[in-house]
PDB file of N, CA and C in Angstrom:
ATOM      1  N   MET A   1      15.313  -9.207   4.147  1.00  0.00           N
ATOM      2  CA  MET A   1      14.647 -10.385   3.818  1.00  0.00           C
ATOM      3  C   MET A   1      13.769 -11.069   5.489  1.00  0.00           C
ATOM      4  N   GLY A   2      12.322 -10.952   5.593  1.00  0.00           N
ATOM      5  CA  GLY A   2      12.002 -11.532   6.200  1.00  0.00           C
ATOM      6  C   GLY A   2      10.203 -12.741   5.416  1.00  0.00           C
ATOM      7  N   GLY A   3       9.814 -12.307   6.517  1.00  0.00           N
ATOM      8  CA  GLY A   3       8.802 -13.000   6.378  1.00  0.00           C
ATOM      9  C   GLY A   3       8.453 -14.628   6.955  1.00  0.00           C
ATOM     10  N   LEU A   4       7.394 -15.441   7.524  1.00  0.00           N
ATOM     11  CA  LEU A   4       7.065 -16.445   7.697  1.00  0.00           C
ATOM     12  C   LEU A   4       7.225 -17.559   7.208  1.00  0.00           C
ATOM     13  N   ASP A   5       7.687 -17.938   5.580  1.00  0.00           N
ATOM     14  CA  ASP A   5       7.742 -18.964   4.425  1.00  0.00           C
ATOM     15  C   ASP A   5       9.622 -18.524   5.017  1.00  0.00           C
ATOM     16  N   THR A   6       9.826 -19.386   5.879  1.00  0.00           N
ATOM     17  CA  THR A   6      11.568 -19.285   5.568  1.00  0.00           C
ATOM     18  C   THR A   6      12.394 -20.090   4.321  1.00  0.00           C
ATOM     19  N   ASP A   7      11.343 -21.170   4.110  1.00  0.00           N
ATOM     20  CA  ASP A   7      12.264 -22.290   3.500  1.00  0.00           C
ATOM     21  C   ASP A   7      12.292 -21.561   2.333  1.00  0.00           C
ATOM     22  N   LEU A   8      11.407 -20.438   1.267  1.00  0.00           N
ATOM     23  CA  LEU A   8      10.989 -19.949   0.025  1.00  0.00           C
ATOM     24  C   LEU A   8      12.181 -18.356   0.515  1.00  0.00           C
ATOM     25  N   ARG A   9      12.263 -18.394   1.548  1.00  0.00           N
ATOM     26  CA  ARG A   9      12.749 -16.593   2.195  1.00  0.00           C
ATOM     27  C   ARG A   9      14.124 -16.982   1.817  1.00  0.00           C
ATOM     28  N   ASP A  10      15.148 -18.521   2.723  1.00  0.00           N
ATOM     29  CA  ASP A  10      16.211 -18.843   2.901  1.00  0.00           C
ATOM     30  C   ASP A  10      16.488 -19.649   1.163  1.00  0.00           C
ATOM     31  N   ALA A  11      15.396 -19.820   0.048  1.00  0.00           N
ATOM     32  CA  ALA A  11      15.494 -19.909  -1.371  1.00  0.00           C
ATOM     33  C   ALA A  11      16.171 -18.720  -2.238  1.00  0.00           C
ATOM     34  N   VAL A  12      14.580 -17.561  -1.975  1.00  0.00           N
ATOM     35  CA  VAL A  12      15.190 -16.264  -2.749  1.00  0.00           C
ATOM     36  C   VAL A  12      15.887 -15.842  -1.954  1.00  0.00           C
ATOM     37  N   ARG A  13      16.775 -16.291  -1.134  1.00  0.00           N
ATOM     38  CA  ARG A  13      18.827 -15.477  -1.078  1.00  0.00           C
ATOM     39  C   ARG A  13      19.616 -16.495  -1.138  1.00  0.00           C
ATOM     40  N   GLU A  14      18.934 -17.472  -1.281  1.00  0.00           N
ATOM     41  CA  GLU A  14      20.396 -17.767  -1.874  1.00  0.00           C
ATOM     42  C   GLU A  14      20.571 -17.647  -3.689  1.00  0.00           C
ATOM     43  N   GLU A  15      19.551 -17.416  -4.496  1.00  0.00           N
ATOM     44  CA  GLU A  15      18.968 -17.594  -5.202  1.00  0.00           C
ATOM     45  C   GLU A  15      19.641 -15.828  -5.827  1.00  0.00           C
ATOM     46  N   LEU A  16      19.313 -15.121  -4.857  1.00  0.00           N
ATOM     47  CA  LEU A  16      20.192 -13.633  -5.761  1.00  0.00           C
ATOM     48  C   LEU A  16      21.738 -13.561  -5.227  1.00  0.00           C
ATOM     49  N   ARG A  17      22.052 -14.355  -3.758  1.00  0.00           N
ATOM     50  CA  ARG A  17      23.036 -14.136  -3.722  1.00  0.00           C
ATOM     51  C   ARG A  17      24.069 -15.195  -5.155  1.00  0.00           C
ATOM     52  N   ALA A  18      23.242 -15.959  -5.908  1.00  0.00           N
ATOM     53  CA  ALA A  18      24.532 -16.167  -6.832  1.00  0.00           C
ATOM     54  C   ALA A  18      23.735 -15.608  -8.294  1.00  0.00           C
ATOM     55  N   ALA A  19      22.854 -14.610  -8.410  1.00  0.00           N
ATOM     56  CA  ALA A  19      23.074 -13.313  -9.043  1.00  0.00           C
ATOM     57  C   ALA A  19      23.956 -12.161  -9.020  1.00  0.00           C
ATOM     58  N   ASP A  20      24.684 -12.811  -7.400  1.00  0.00           N
ATOM     59  CA  ASP A  20      26.215 -11.050  -7.160  1.00  0.00           C
ATOM     60  C   ASP A  20      25.245 -10.325  -6.717  1.00  0.00           C
ATOM     61  N   PHE A  21      23.937 -10.940  -6.232  1.00  0.00           N
ATOM     62  CA  PHE A  21      23.251  -9.320  -5.358  1.00  0.00           C
ATOM     63  C   PHE A  21      23.481  -9.641  -3.638  1.00  0.00           C
ATOM     64  N   THR A  22      23.569  -8.851  -2.760  1.00  0.00           N
ATOM     65  CA  THR A  22      23.826  -8.956  -1.493  1.00  0.00           C
ATOM     66  C   THR A  22      21.901  -8.630  -0.726  1.00  0.00           C
ATOM     67  N   ALA A  23      21.753 -10.176  -0.457  1.00  0.00           N
ATOM     68  CA  ALA A  23      21.645 -10.631   0.366  1.00  0.00           C
ATOM     69  C   ALA A  23      21.800 -11.615   2.002  1.00  0.00           C
ATOM     70  N   PRO A  24      21.284 -10.531   3.040  1.00  0.00           N
ATOM     71  CA  PRO A  24      21.770 -10.302   4.450  1.00  0.00           C
ATOM     72  C   PRO A  24      21.915 -11.825   4.304  1.00  0.00           C
ATOM     73  N   GLU A  25      22.025 -11.808   5.934  1.00  0.00           N
ATOM     74  CA  GLU A  25      21.227 -13.276   6.315  1.00  0.00           C
ATOM     75  C   GLU A  25      20.789 -12.603   7.516  1.00  0.00           C
ATOM     76  N   GLU A  26      21.188 -11.591   8.687  1.00  0.00           N
ATOM     77  CA  GLU A  26      20.967 -10.926   9.746  1.00  0.00           C
ATOM     78  C   GLU A  26      19.570  -9.356   9.116  1.00  0.00           C
ATOM     79  N   VAL A  27      19.080  -9.972   9.535  1.00  0.00           N
ATOM     80  CA  VAL A  27      18.168  -8.498   9.162  1.00  0.00           C
ATOM     81  C   VAL A  27      17.378  -8.313  10.728  1.00  0.00           C
ATOM     82  N   PRO A  28      17.066  -6.626  10.951  1.00  0.00           N
ATOM     83  CA  PRO A  28      16.852  -5.561  11.828  1.00  0.00           C
ATOM     84  C   PRO A  28      15.570  -6.373  12.417  1.00  0.00           C
ATOM     85  N   ASP A  29      15.455  -6.668  13.483  1.00  0.00           N
ATOM     86  CA  ASP A  29      14.415  -7.214  14.457  1.00  0.00           C
ATOM     87  C   ASP A  29      12.968  -6.337  13.747  1.00  0.00           C
ATOM     88  N   GLY A  30      13.098  -5.241  13.451  1.00  0.00           N
ATOM     89  CA  GLY A  30      11.786  -4.649  12.816  1.00  0.00           C
ATOM     90  C   GLY A  30      10.897  -3.912  11.044  1.00  0.00           C
ATOM     91  N   LEU A  31      12.385  -5.538  10.668  1.00  0.00           N
ATOM     92  CA  LEU A  31      12.485  -5.567   9.115  1.00  0.00           C
ATOM     93  C   LEU A  31      12.520  -7.004   9.413  1.00  0.00           C
ATOM     94  N   LYS A  32      11.746  -7.745  10.207  1.00  0.00           N
ATOM     95  CA  LYS A  32      12.162  -9.248   9.612  1.00  0.00           C
ATOM     96  C   LYS A  32      10.656  -9.763   9.282  1.00  0.00           C
ATOM     97  N   GLY A  33       9.451  -8.763   9.488  1.00  0.00           N
ATOM     98  CA  GLY A  33       7.954  -9.666   8.325  1.00  0.00           C
ATOM     99  C   GLY A  33       7.748 -10.842   9.466  1.00  0.00           C
ATOM    100  N   GLU A  34       8.025 -11.168  10.542  1.00  0.00           N
ATOM    101  CA  GLU A  34       7.639 -12.092  11.205  1.00  0.00           C
ATOM    102  C   GLU A  34       6.153 -12.418  12.174  1.00  0.00           C
ATOM    103  N   SER A  35       5.170 -11.068  12.416  1.00  0.00           N
ATOM    104  CA  SER A  35       4.556 -10.953  12.815  1.00  0.00           C
ATOM    105  C   SER A  35       2.521 -11.598  11.748  1.00  0.00           C
ATOM    106  N   PRO A  36       2.283 -12.504  12.368  1.00  0.00           N
ATOM    107  CA  PRO A  36       1.332 -13.237  11.220  1.00  0.00           C
ATOM    108  C   PRO A  36       0.576 -12.059  10.554  1.00  0.00           C
ATOM    109  N   GLU A  37       0.782 -10.481  11.376  1.00  0.00           N
ATOM    110  CA  GLU A  37      -0.474  -9.651  11.092  1.00  0.00           C
ATOM    111  C   GLU A  37      -0.220  -8.860   9.837  1.00  0.00           C
ATOM    112  N   ASN A  38       1.082  -9.141  10.350  1.00  0.00           N
ATOM    113  CA  ASN A  38       2.379  -8.165   8.244  1.00  0.00           C
ATOM    114  C   ASN A  38       1.334  -9.101   7.703  1.00  0.00           C
ATOM    115  N   ILE A  39       1.642  -8.392   6.493  1.00  0.00           N
ATOM    116  CA  ILE A  39       0.777  -8.548   5.503  1.00  0.00           C
ATOM    117  C   ILE A  39       1.059  -9.037   4.128  1.00  0.00           C
ATOM    118  N   THR A  40       2.652  -9.178   4.228  1.00  0.00           N
ATOM    119  CA  THR A  40       3.523 -10.591   3.602  1.00  0.00           C
ATOM    120  C   THR A  40       2.580 -12.052   4.033  1.00  0.00           C
ATOM    121  N   ASN A  41       2.362 -12.095   5.285  1.00  0.00           N
ATOM    122  CA  ASN A  41       2.172 -13.643   6.224  1.00  0.00           C
ATOM    123  C   ASN A  41       0.476 -13.287   5.777  1.00  0.00           C
ATOM    124  N   ARG A  42      -0.409 -12.360   5.745  1.00  0.00           N
ATOM    125  CA  ARG A  42      -1.498 -12.515   5.120  1.00  0.00           C
ATOM    126  C   ARG A  42      -2.204 -12.454   4.029  1.00  0.00           C
ATOM    127  N   ASN A  43      -2.082 -14.221   3.830  1.00  0.00           N
ATOM    128  CA  ASN A  43      -2.954 -14.768   2.466  1.00  0.00           C
ATOM    129  C   ASN A  43      -3.025 -16.179   2.847  1.00  0.00           C
ATOM    130  N   ALA A  44      -3.716 -17.129   1.964  1.00  0.00           N
ATOM    131  CA  ALA A  44      -4.227 -18.133   2.245  1.00  0.00           C
ATOM    132  C   ALA A  44      -3.136 -19.661   3.246  1.00  0.00           C
ATOM    133  N   ARG A  45      -1.499 -18.961   2.887  1.00  0.00           N
ATOM    134  CA  ARG A  45      -1.053 -19.632   3.239  1.00  0.00           C
ATOM    135  C   ARG A  45      -0.489 -19.048   5.200  1.00  0.00           C
ATOM    136  N   ASP A  46      -0.498 -17.788   5.097  1.00  0.00           N
ATOM    137  CA  ASP A  46      -0.518 -17.546   6.302  1.00  0.00           C
ATOM    138  C   ASP A  46       1.025 -17.457   6.691  1.00  0.00           C
ATOM    139  N   GLU A  47       1.615 -16.873   5.761  1.00  0.00           N
ATOM    140  CA  GLU A  47       3.046 -17.585   5.460  1.00  0.00           C
ATOM    141  C   GLU A  47       3.395 -16.397   4.181  1.00  0.00           C
ATOM    142  N   GLY A  48       4.625 -15.737   4.006  1.00  0.00           N
ATOM    143  CA  GLY A  48       5.281 -14.623   2.778  1.00  0.00           C
ATOM    144  C   GLY A  48       6.993 -15.057   3.294  1.00  0.00           C
ATOM    145  N   VAL A  49       7.031 -13.730   2.267  1.00  0.00           N
ATOM    146  CA  VAL A  49       8.016 -13.486   2.112  1.00  0.00           C
ATOM    147  C   VAL A  49       8.766 -11.915   1.859  1.00  0.00           C
ATOM    148  N   GLN A  50       9.326 -11.322   2.664  1.00  0.00           N
ATOM    149  CA  GLN A  50       9.426  -9.792   2.461  1.00  0.00           C
ATOM    150  C   GLN A  50      11.080  -9.296   2.114  1.00  0.00           C
ATOM    151  N   LEU A  51      11.337  -8.497   0.907  1.00  0.00           N
ATOM    152  CA  LEU A  51      12.354  -8.767   0.679  1.00  0.00           C
ATOM    153  C   LEU A  51      11.957  -6.273   1.415  1.00  0.00           C
ATOM    154  N   GLU A  52      13.155  -5.929   1.600  1.00  0.00           N
ATOM    155  CA  GLU A  52      13.954  -5.234   1.708  1.00  0.00           C
ATOM    156  C   GLU A  52      14.349  -4.249   0.925  1.00  0.00           C
ATOM    157  N   ILE A  53      14.218  -3.476  -0.257  1.00  0.00           N
ATOM    158  CA  ILE A  53      14.998  -3.518  -1.531  1.00  0.00           C
ATOM    159  C   ILE A  53      15.906  -1.891  -0.956  1.00  0.00           C
ATOM    160  N   THR A  54      17.065  -1.576  -1.121  1.00  0.00           N
ATOM    161  CA  THR A  54      17.453  -0.067  -0.551  1.00  0.00           C
ATOM    162  C   THR A  54      16.661   0.223  -1.495  1.00  0.00           C
ATOM    163  N   ARG A  55      17.299   1.758  -1.120  1.00  0.00           N
ATOM    164  CA  ARG A  55      16.909   3.055  -2.552  1.00  0.00           C
ATOM    165  C   ARG A  55      18.053   2.795  -3.802  1.00  0.00           C
ATOM    166  N   ALA A  56      19.112   2.483  -3.407  1.00  0.00           N
ATOM    167  CA  ALA A  56      20.554   2.209  -4.521  1.00  0.00           C
ATOM    168  C   ALA A  56      19.623   1.417  -5.159  1.00  0.00           C
ATOM    169  N   GLN A  57      19.100   0.140  -4.430  1.00  0.00           N
ATOM    170  CA  GLN A  57      18.933  -0.449  -5.384  1.00  0.00           C
ATOM    171  C   GLN A  57      17.564  -0.387  -6.662  1.00  0.00           C
ATOM    172  N   ARG A  58      16.702  -0.107  -5.413  1.00  0.00           N
ATOM    173  CA  ARG A  58      15.721   0.535  -6.748  1.00  0.00           C
ATOM    174  C   ARG A  58      15.709   1.479  -7.651  1.00  0.00           C
ATOM    175  N   ASP A  59      17.055   2.495  -7.913  1.00  0.00           N
ATOM    176  CA  ASP A  59      17.746   3.150  -8.223  1.00  0.00           C
ATOM    177  C   ASP A  59      18.287   2.357  -9.371  1.00  0.00           C
ATOM    178  N   ALA A  60      18.595   1.222  -9.089  1.00  0.00           N
ATOM    179  CA  ALA A  60      19.820   0.254 -10.225  1.00  0.00           C
ATOM    180  C   ALA A  60      18.485  -0.214 -11.272  1.00  0.00           C
ATOM    181  N   PHE A  61      17.313  -1.024 -10.688  1.00  0.00           N
ATOM    182  CA  PHE A  61      16.501  -1.212 -11.664  1.00  0.00           C
ATOM    183  C   PHE A  61      15.690  -0.496 -12.840  1.00  0.00           C
ATOM    184  N   ILE A  62      15.670   0.777 -12.790  1.00  0.00           N
ATOM    185  CA  ILE A  62      15.691   1.786 -13.639  1.00  0.00           C
ATOM    186  C   ILE A  62      16.547   2.569 -14.495  1.00  0.00           C
ATOM    187  N   GLY A  63      16.851   2.461 -15.821  1.00  0.00           N
ATOM    188  CA  GLY A  63      17.544   3.163 -16.781  1.00  0.00           C
ATOM    189  C   GLY A  63      17.609   4.957 -16.747  1.00  0.00           C
ATOM    190  N   ASP A  64      18.222   5.343 -17.718  1.00  0.00           N
ATOM    191  CA  ASP A  64      18.099   6.624 -18.106  1.00  0.00           C
ATOM    192  C   ASP A  64      16.454   7.470 -18.349  1.00  0.00           C
ATOM    193  N   ASN A  65      16.670   6.048 -19.097  1.00  0.00           N
ATOM    194  CA  ASN A  65      15.280   6.831 -20.097  1.00  0.00           C
ATOM    195  C   ASN A  65      13.793   6.076 -19.570  1.00  0.00           C
ATOM    196  N   GLY A  66      13.868   4.770 -18.238  1.00  0.00           N
ATOM    197  CA  GLY A  66      12.617   5.214 -17.231  1.00  0.00           C
ATOM    198  C   GLY A  66      12.242   3.962 -17.764  1.00  0.00           C
ATOM    199  N   ALA A  67      12.885   3.133 -18.708  1.00  0.00           N
ATOM    200  CA  ALA A  67      12.999   1.781 -18.577  1.00  0.00           C
ATOM    201  C   ALA A  67      13.649   0.805 -17.615  1.00  0.00           C
ATOM    202  N   PRO A  68      12.763  -0.687 -17.278  1.00  0.00           N
ATOM    203  CA  PRO A  68      14.021  -1.346 -16.516  1.00  0.00           C
ATOM    204  C   PRO A  68      15.571  -1.489 -16.847  1.00  0.00           C
ATOM    205  N   THR A  69      16.440  -2.177 -15.851  1.00  0.00           N
ATOM    206  CA  THR A  69      17.701  -2.000 -16.615  1.00  0.00           C
ATOM    207  C   THR A  69      17.624  -3.938 -16.547  1.00  0.00           C
ATOM    208  N   SER A  70      18.510  -4.691 -17.093  1.00  0.00           N
ATOM    209  CA  SER A  70      19.419  -5.511 -16.770  1.00  0.00           C
ATOM    210  C   SER A  70      19.791  -6.415 -15.325  1.00  0.00           C
ATOM    211  N   THR A  71      19.552  -5.506 -14.862  1.00  0.00           N
ATOM    212  CA  THR A  71      20.057  -5.299 -13.499  1.00  0.00           C
ATOM    213  C   THR A  71      18.403  -5.934 -12.184  1.00  0.00           C
ATOM    214  N   PHE A  72      17.347  -4.642 -13.067  1.00  0.00           N
ATOM    215  CA  PHE A  72      15.688  -5.255 -12.247  1.00  0.00           C
ATOM    216  C   PHE A  72      15.906  -7.156 -13.014  1.00  0.00           C
ATOM    217  N   TYR A  73      15.720  -7.139 -14.131  1.00  0.00           N
ATOM    218  CA  TYR A  73      15.574  -8.433 -14.440  1.00  0.00           C
ATOM    219  C   TYR A  73      16.167  -9.731 -14.107  1.00  0.00           C
ATOM    220  N   ASP A  74      17.707  -9.106 -13.800  1.00  0.00           N
ATOM    221  CA  ASP A  74      18.504 -11.114 -13.219  1.00  0.00           C
ATOM    222  C   ASP A  74      18.192 -10.381 -12.104  1.00  0.00           C
ATOM    223  N   PHE A  75      17.751  -9.895 -10.947  1.00  0.00           N
ATOM    224  CA  PHE A  75      16.711  -9.120  -9.910  1.00  0.00           C
ATOM    225  C   PHE A  75      15.497 -10.154  -9.917  1.00  0.00           C
ATOM    226  N   THR A  76      14.301  -9.813 -10.916  1.00  0.00           N
ATOM    227  CA  THR A  76      13.343 -10.473 -10.850  1.00  0.00           C
ATOM    228  C   THR A  76      13.025 -12.434 -11.348  1.00  0.00           C
ATOM    229  N   ALA A  77      14.445 -12.950 -11.936  1.00  0.00           N
ATOM    230  CA  ALA A  77      15.020 -14.029 -12.774  1.00  0.00           C
ATOM    231  C   ALA A  77      15.485 -14.715 -11.269  1.00  0.00           C
ATOM    232  N   ALA A  78      16.151 -14.301 -10.503  1.00  0.00           N
ATOM    233  CA  ALA A  78      16.893 -15.009  -9.334  1.00  0.00           C
ATOM    234  C   ALA A  78      15.493 -15.241  -8.778  1.00  0.00           C
ATOM    235  N   VAL A  79      14.729 -14.261  -8.166  1.00  0.00           N
ATOM    236  CA  VAL A  79      13.987 -14.310  -7.140  1.00  0.00           C
ATOM    237  C   VAL A  79      12.521 -15.369  -7.457  1.00  0.00           C
ATOM    238  N   GLU A  80      12.404 -15.510  -9.653  1.00  0.00           N
ATOM    239  CA  GLU A  80      11.290 -16.342 -10.019  1.00  0.00           C
ATOM    240  C   GLU A  80      11.480 -17.796  -9.633  1.00  0.00           C
ATOM    241  N   GLU A  81      13.196 -17.607  -9.804  1.00  0.00           N
ATOM    242  CA  GLU A  81      13.601 -19.114 -10.343  1.00  0.00           C
ATOM    243  C   GLU A  81      13.900 -20.045  -8.408  1.00  0.00           C
ATOM    244  N   ALA A  82      13.031 -18.763  -7.327  1.00  0.00           N
ATOM    245  CA  ALA A  82      13.409 -18.899  -5.906  1.00  0.00           C
ATOM    246  C   ALA A  82      12.440 -19.959  -5.766  1.00  0.00           C
ATOM    247  N   VAL A  83      10.927 -19.283  -6.355  1.00  0.00           N
ATOM    248  CA  VAL A  83       9.452 -19.392  -6.637  1.00  0.00           C
ATOM    249  C   VAL A  83       9.459 -20.787  -7.047  1.00  0.00           C
ATOM    250  N   ALA A  84       9.824 -20.593  -7.853  1.00  0.00           N
ATOM    251  CA  ALA A  84       9.961 -21.691  -8.833  1.00  0.00           C
ATOM    252  C   ALA A  84      10.139 -23.642  -8.509  1.00  0.00           C
ATOM    253  N   GLN A  85      11.517 -23.421  -7.886  1.00  0.00           N
ATOM    254  CA  GLN A  85      11.408 -24.516  -7.092  1.00  0.00           C
ATOM    255  C   GLN A  85      10.568 -25.017  -5.899  1.00  0.00           C
ATOM    256  N   ARG A  86      10.037 -24.782  -5.766  1.00  0.00           N
ATOM    257  CA  ARG A  86       8.728 -24.843  -4.537  1.00  0.00           C
ATOM    258  C   ARG A  86       7.699 -26.347  -5.057  1.00  0.00           C
TER     259      ARG A  86
END
């Protein structure tokens, strides 16, 4: 998790954890998304949130039939809840 919108980043982390997803506190330097030049932060507010999602997690989002799984909907609902609180 990264980006310059630290309040939203922390809210997303909290909501993901509440939905039983792993959302680490510490992120490797190269993945923090804290540069103003990062596309995440190049918007009208000059800040955003960057989510690094593992391959295993992405695979869990899509079922054998190619359709989104309940895991996908749980994940997106957690992110949407964090955004709605802002």
